[in-house]
Protein backbone atom coordinates (compact mmCIF):
# COMPACT_ATOMS: atom_id res chain seq x y z
CA MET A 1 7.67 14.87 -32.47
CA ARG A 2 6.18 11.79 -30.75
CA GLY A 3 8.50 9.37 -32.55
CA ALA A 4 11.61 11.51 -32.26
CA TRP A 5 14.72 10.26 -30.51
CA LEU A 6 16.32 12.33 -27.79
CA PHE A 7 19.89 11.31 -27.01
CA VAL A 8 21.28 12.33 -23.64
CA PRO A 9 24.99 12.21 -22.85
CA ALA A 10 25.06 10.72 -19.35
CA GLY A 11 28.24 12.53 -18.26
CA VAL A 12 26.82 15.98 -18.98
CA VAL A 13 23.52 15.17 -17.30
CA ALA A 14 25.09 13.84 -14.10
CA ALA A 15 26.38 17.30 -13.11
CA VAL A 16 22.93 18.84 -13.54
CA ALA A 17 21.26 15.93 -11.75
CA ALA A 18 23.21 16.46 -8.57
CA SER A 19 21.26 19.65 -7.92
CA ALA A 20 17.85 18.34 -9.04
CA GLY A 21 15.41 17.02 -6.48
CA ALA A 22 14.00 13.72 -7.75
CA ASP A 23 10.81 14.33 -5.79
CA ARG A 24 9.96 17.06 -8.32
CA VAL A 25 10.42 14.91 -11.41
CA ARG A 26 7.89 15.23 -14.18
CA SER A 27 8.59 14.78 -17.87
CA GLN A 28 8.56 18.52 -18.71
CA ASP A 29 11.08 19.43 -16.01
CA PRO A 30 14.69 19.53 -17.35
CA GLU A 31 16.21 19.24 -13.87
CA GLY A 32 13.87 16.37 -13.08
CA ILE A 33 14.82 14.62 -16.29
CA ALA A 34 18.46 14.91 -15.27
CA ALA A 35 17.54 13.40 -11.89
CA VAL A 36 16.04 10.36 -13.64
CA VAL A 37 19.32 9.76 -15.43
CA ALA A 38 21.23 10.18 -12.16
CA GLN A 39 18.97 7.65 -10.40
CA VAL A 40 19.46 5.10 -13.19
CA GLU A 41 23.22 5.67 -13.12
CA GLU A 42 23.18 5.01 -9.37
CA LEU A 43 21.17 1.82 -9.96
CA ASN A 44 23.61 0.63 -12.61
CA SER A 45 26.59 1.51 -10.42
CA MET A 46 25.03 -0.53 -7.62
CA ARG A 47 24.60 -3.50 -9.99
CA SER A 48 28.18 -3.21 -11.21
CA SER A 49 29.68 -2.81 -7.71
CA LEU A 50 27.78 -5.79 -6.30
CA ALA A 51 28.72 -7.97 -9.28
CA ARG A 52 32.39 -6.95 -9.06
CA ALA A 53 32.53 -7.66 -5.32
CA PHE A 54 31.03 -11.10 -5.98
CA GLY A 55 33.54 -11.82 -8.75
CA GLU A 56 36.58 -10.56 -6.85
CA GLN A 57 35.81 -12.65 -3.78
CA GLY A 58 35.52 -15.88 -5.77
CA VAL A 59 32.11 -16.61 -4.27
CA PRO A 60 30.25 -19.46 -6.01
CA ALA A 61 27.21 -18.53 -8.08
CA ASP A 62 24.30 -19.89 -6.05
CA ARG A 63 20.92 -18.80 -4.76
CA GLU A 64 22.50 -16.87 -1.85
CA THR A 65 24.77 -14.97 -4.22
CA PHE A 66 21.71 -14.08 -6.28
CA ARG A 67 20.06 -12.71 -3.14
CA GLN A 68 23.11 -10.57 -2.40
CA VAL A 69 23.86 -9.32 -5.91
CA CYS A 70 20.85 -9.33 -8.24
CA ARG A 71 17.96 -9.08 -5.83
CA PRO A 72 19.08 -5.76 -4.24
CA VAL A 73 19.13 -4.15 -7.69
CA GLY A 74 15.57 -5.26 -8.38
CA MET A 75 14.51 -4.08 -4.93
CA ARG A 76 16.11 -0.66 -5.52
CA ALA A 77 14.34 -0.37 -8.89
CA ARG A 78 10.99 -1.12 -7.21
CA ALA A 79 11.73 1.41 -4.46
CA MET A 80 12.56 4.09 -7.06
CA ALA A 81 9.29 3.39 -8.84
CA GLU A 82 7.31 3.66 -5.62
CA GLU A 83 9.14 6.73 -4.31
CA TYR A 84 8.95 8.81 -7.48
CA GLY A 85 5.84 7.47 -9.23
CA TRP A 86 7.80 6.05 -12.15
CA VAL A 87 7.57 2.70 -13.90
CA VAL A 88 11.06 1.14 -13.59
CA GLN A 89 11.91 -2.06 -15.45
CA GLN A 90 14.90 -4.16 -16.47
CA LEU A 91 14.11 -5.55 -19.94
CA ALA A 92 15.96 -7.88 -22.27
CA GLU A 93 15.65 -9.87 -25.44
CA LYS A 94 17.47 -12.78 -23.79
CA HIS A 95 15.70 -12.79 -20.43
CA ARG A 96 15.16 -15.26 -17.60
CA ASN A 97 11.66 -14.11 -16.77
CA PRO A 98 9.22 -13.64 -19.68
CA ALA A 99 7.74 -10.65 -17.80
CA ASN A 100 11.01 -8.84 -18.60
CA ASP A 101 10.64 -9.17 -22.38
CA LEU A 102 11.05 -6.10 -24.56
CA ASP A 103 7.89 -4.30 -25.66
CA GLN A 104 7.80 -2.72 -29.14
CA GLN A 105 9.27 0.64 -28.11
CA ALA A 106 11.95 -0.95 -25.93
CA ARG A 107 12.84 -3.35 -28.75
CA SER A 108 13.51 -0.47 -31.16
CA VAL A 109 15.84 1.15 -28.61
CA TYR A 110 17.51 -2.19 -27.82
CA GLU A 111 18.19 -2.73 -31.54
CA ALA A 112 19.62 0.80 -31.84
CA MET A 113 21.93 0.03 -28.91
CA LEU A 114 22.98 -3.26 -30.52
CA ALA A 115 23.87 -1.33 -33.67
CA ASP A 116 25.74 1.40 -31.76
CA PRO A 117 27.76 0.16 -28.77
CA ASP A 118 28.48 3.78 -27.75
CA LEU A 119 24.79 4.60 -27.32
CA MET A 120 24.27 4.59 -23.55
CA GLY A 121 20.92 6.30 -23.04
CA VAL A 122 17.85 7.35 -25.01
CA TRP A 123 14.71 9.32 -24.16
CA ARG A 124 11.47 8.67 -26.07
CA ARG A 125 7.92 10.01 -25.81
CA SER A 126 5.70 7.17 -24.65
CA ASP A 127 2.04 6.39 -24.10
CA GLN A 128 1.46 3.93 -21.26
CA GLU A 129 -1.71 2.56 -19.65
CA ASP A 130 -1.72 5.39 -17.12
CA GLY A 131 -1.08 8.19 -19.62
CA ALA A 132 1.63 9.89 -21.61
CA GLY A 133 5.14 10.80 -20.56
CA LEU A 134 8.81 10.31 -21.29
CA ARG A 135 10.63 7.02 -21.13
CA TYR A 136 14.36 6.74 -20.47
CA PHE A 137 16.30 3.71 -21.65
CA ARG A 138 19.84 2.92 -20.48
CA ARG A 139 22.03 0.05 -21.63
CA ILE A 140 23.08 -2.75 -19.26
CA VAL A 141 26.50 -4.12 -20.16
CA VAL A 142 27.78 -7.62 -19.32
CA GLU A 143 30.77 -7.59 -16.99
CA GLU A 144 33.15 -10.44 -16.16
CA ALA A 145 31.32 -11.36 -12.93
CA CYS A 146 28.01 -11.59 -14.83
CA LEU A 147 29.29 -14.60 -16.74
CA ALA A 148 28.98 -16.83 -13.67
CA CYS A 149 25.23 -16.92 -14.37
CA HIS A 150 24.99 -15.44 -17.87
CA GLY A 151 27.92 -17.16 -19.60
CA ALA A 152 27.84 -20.49 -21.40
CA ARG A 153 24.48 -22.26 -21.37
CA ASP A 154 25.96 -25.50 -20.06
CA ALA A 155 27.83 -23.70 -17.26
CA ARG A 156 24.79 -22.05 -15.66
CA PRO A 157 24.40 -22.71 -11.93
CA ASP A 158 21.88 -25.36 -10.88
CA PHE A 159 19.60 -22.82 -9.19
CA VAL A 160 19.26 -20.97 -12.51
CA VAL A 161 18.59 -24.10 -14.55
CA GLU A 162 16.03 -25.35 -12.02
CA GLY A 163 14.42 -22.01 -11.19
CA TYR A 164 14.13 -20.62 -14.72
CA PRO A 165 13.05 -23.36 -17.13
CA GLU A 166 12.49 -20.79 -19.92
CA ASP A 167 15.86 -19.10 -19.35
CA ARG A 168 17.30 -17.34 -22.41
CA ALA A 169 19.83 -15.15 -20.55
CA TYR A 170 23.02 -17.04 -21.35
CA ASP A 171 25.90 -17.24 -23.86
CA PHE A 172 26.90 -13.62 -23.24
CA GLN A 173 30.43 -12.26 -23.50
CA VAL A 174 32.01 -9.38 -21.57
CA GLY A 175 30.88 -6.10 -23.12
CA ASP A 176 27.68 -7.50 -24.64
CA LEU A 177 24.40 -5.65 -24.34
CA ARG A 178 22.66 -7.65 -21.59
CA GLY A 179 19.47 -5.60 -21.57
CA ILE A 180 18.13 -2.14 -20.82
CA TYR A 181 16.74 -0.20 -17.91
CA SER A 182 13.43 1.43 -18.78
CA VAL A 183 12.05 4.30 -16.69
CA PHE A 184 8.68 5.82 -17.61
CA VAL A 185 8.09 9.29 -16.16
CA PRO A 186 4.50 10.51 -16.49
CA ASP A 187 3.69 13.97 -17.80
CA ALA A 188 2.81 16.52 -15.14
CA ASP A 189 -0.91 16.81 -14.50
């Protein structure tokens, strides 16, 4: 069963997650598993809301915009990891930071999501450095506002070109798979 896929419909899980306390989350706990999905949905909603607000206000894509839109999402992901004892990552094939490259397991899920645009989330058994557990993957979709920094290569803002010399996160279109959230939840002791 280690290599088996577990598909979770996010809409069904959200109702269960509302009653689950994330502080209790371990990979064998169905309510806790639902809470993981709910936390990732909140993170993605935050990303989407911040990006939309940026796009609707016509704010130029610069370093300050990055601090107000992208940075808070990364900070929230780190806070989730610290608060719940998870490993939370944003991974991509076309990334800005090589540290956010897909590992083998994430790559197989990413490719499945490329092949099936309706596939929103996947659970997999996973062995990490700190032990075994479950790993949740959730798609990140490109929205219109994302194109200010992730659109045409030649249209990237100066702070991106200068700050990320190995940048590969460009030439996306609205609706493309931008990357995936990855949340590793360790097995209970």
